[in-house]
Amino acid sequence: MKKYKLGEMEQRFADLIWEHEPIKSRELTELCAEEFDWKRTTTYTMLKRLCDRDIFKNENGTVISLMTKDDFLADQGVMFLEESFGGSLPRFLTTFIRRKKLSDKEIQEIQILIEEHKEG
């Protein structure tokens, strides 16, 4: 699951790709020069790093995602639960609501989610 841990710049770079995909790699280097003041080589180094993690693919000069941003964020959430709470969603929720009380609306939304995702 380590492949889903991104540093701050990796995350900003990934967000930029998701926002503009599919994007030609040349256009991506130009965009990164504007956004991050990167040289072409820096963009390609960062792209290779994220391609090696199977998040993106550079095929024939066009960069596409191998997973949606939502899927990526879901995998990060699962990893966080596993590392921080032994994979226990109830433990996470218990810890969370000790610090922040839930509104009636939030409770209702969570109850709906539970009903929609019950096993069996």
Protein backbone atom coordinates (compact mmCIF):
# COMPACT_ATOMS: atom_id res chain seq x y z
CA MET A 1 0.00 0.00 0.00
CA LYS A 2 3.02 2.32 0.23
CA LYS A 3 2.52 3.22 -3.41
CA TYR A 4 -0.44 5.38 -2.36
CA LYS A 5 1.56 7.58 0.00
CA LEU A 6 2.45 10.76 -1.84
CA GLY A 7 4.49 13.72 -0.75
CA GLU A 8 3.00 17.18 -1.06
CA MET A 9 4.43 17.90 -4.52
CA GLU A 10 3.59 14.41 -5.78
CA GLN A 11 0.00 14.98 -4.68
CA ARG A 12 -0.18 18.40 -6.35
CA PHE A 13 1.32 16.91 -9.52
CA ALA A 14 -1.17 14.02 -9.46
CA ASP A 15 -4.06 16.45 -8.97
CA LEU A 16 -2.84 18.45 -11.96
CA ILE A 17 -2.83 15.36 -14.15
CA TRP A 18 -6.30 14.24 -12.98
CA GLU A 19 -7.61 17.72 -13.73
CA HIS A 20 -6.24 17.76 -17.30
CA GLU A 21 -6.14 14.13 -18.41
CA PRO A 22 -5.68 12.86 -20.97
CA ILE A 23 -2.79 15.22 -21.53
CA LYS A 24 0.17 15.12 -23.89
CA SER A 25 3.43 14.82 -21.95
CA ARG A 26 4.78 17.93 -23.70
CA GLU A 27 1.73 19.91 -22.54
CA LEU A 28 2.23 18.52 -19.06
CA THR A 29 5.82 19.79 -18.96
CA GLU A 30 4.61 23.24 -20.03
CA LEU A 31 1.88 23.22 -17.39
CA CYS A 32 4.35 22.17 -14.67
CA ALA A 33 6.74 24.92 -15.74
CA GLU A 34 3.92 27.44 -15.19
CA GLU A 35 2.45 25.88 -12.03
CA PHE A 36 5.58 24.69 -10.21
CA ASP A 37 8.45 26.39 -12.05
CA TRP A 38 9.79 22.92 -12.94
CA LYS A 39 12.23 22.03 -15.68
CA ARG A 40 11.17 19.43 -18.22
CA THR A 41 13.39 16.80 -16.60
CA THR A 42 11.77 17.34 -13.19
CA THR A 43 8.33 16.73 -14.67
CA TYR A 44 9.45 13.51 -16.35
CA THR A 45 11.16 12.30 -13.16
CA MET A 46 8.01 12.91 -11.14
CA LEU A 47 5.84 11.32 -13.83
CA LYS A 48 8.01 8.21 -13.89
CA ARG A 49 7.73 7.94 -10.11
CA LEU A 50 3.93 7.98 -10.25
CA CYS A 51 3.83 5.65 -13.27
CA ASP A 52 6.01 3.17 -11.35
CA ARG A 53 3.34 3.20 -8.63
CA ASP A 54 0.67 2.31 -11.22
CA ILE A 55 -1.26 5.54 -10.68
CA PHE A 56 -0.61 6.96 -14.16
CA LYS A 57 0.60 5.72 -17.52
CA ASN A 58 2.53 7.58 -20.22
CA GLU A 59 1.57 5.83 -23.42
CA ASN A 60 2.82 7.18 -26.74
CA GLY A 61 3.34 10.61 -25.24
CA THR A 62 -0.12 10.84 -23.65
CA VAL A 63 -0.53 10.69 -19.89
CA ILE A 64 -3.63 8.94 -18.54
CA SER A 65 -4.63 7.73 -15.11
CA LEU A 66 -4.79 4.06 -14.23
CA MET A 67 -7.08 4.89 -11.33
CA THR A 68 -9.53 7.69 -10.70
CA LYS A 69 -8.83 10.30 -8.06
CA ASP A 70 -11.74 8.91 -6.02
CA ASP A 71 -10.30 5.38 -6.16
CA PHE A 72 -6.90 6.73 -5.16
CA LEU A 73 -8.38 8.62 -2.19
CA ALA A 74 -10.38 5.54 -1.16
CA ASP A 75 -7.19 3.45 -1.16
CA GLN A 76 -5.46 6.13 0.92
CA GLY A 77 -8.37 6.01 3.38
CA VAL A 78 -8.14 2.22 3.68
CA MET A 79 -4.39 2.50 4.25
CA PHE A 80 -4.94 5.15 6.94
CA LEU A 81 -7.51 2.95 8.71
CA GLU A 82 -5.21 -0.07 8.57
CA GLU A 83 -2.14 1.78 9.82
CA SER A 84 -3.81 3.95 12.45
CA PHE A 85 -6.78 1.93 13.66
CA GLY A 86 -5.96 -1.69 12.84
CA GLY A 87 -8.41 -1.52 9.93
CA SER A 88 -11.32 -0.86 12.30
CA LEU A 89 -13.82 1.71 11.04
CA PRO A 90 -15.70 1.67 14.40
CA ARG A 91 -12.45 2.50 16.25
CA PHE A 92 -11.83 5.40 13.87
CA LEU A 93 -15.38 6.72 14.28
CA THR A 94 -15.18 6.42 18.07
CA THR A 95 -11.94 8.40 18.11
CA PHE A 96 -13.33 10.97 15.68
CA ILE A 97 -16.59 11.65 17.52
CA ARG A 98 -14.78 12.09 20.83
CA ARG A 99 -13.37 15.31 19.35
CA LYS A 100 -16.28 16.46 17.21
CA LYS A 101 -19.91 15.85 17.97
CA LEU A 102 -22.01 14.82 15.00
CA SER A 103 -24.96 16.89 13.86
CA ASP A 104 -28.34 15.26 13.36
CA LYS A 105 -27.83 15.58 9.61
CA GLU A 106 -24.44 13.83 9.77
CA ILE A 107 -25.90 11.01 11.88
CA GLN A 108 -28.71 10.55 9.38
CA GLU A 109 -26.25 10.47 6.45
CA ILE A 110 -24.11 7.86 8.22
CA GLN A 111 -27.16 5.73 9.00
CA ILE A 112 -28.17 5.82 5.33
CA LEU A 113 -24.66 4.79 4.29
CA ILE A 114 -24.71 1.89 6.75
CA GLU A 115 -28.05 0.65 5.44
CA GLU A 116 -26.88 0.92 1.82
CA HIS A 117 -23.67 -1.01 2.47
CA LYS A 118 -24.80 -3.75 4.85
CA GLU A 119 -23.62 -7.26 4.01
CA GLY A 120 -26.33 -9.76 3.10
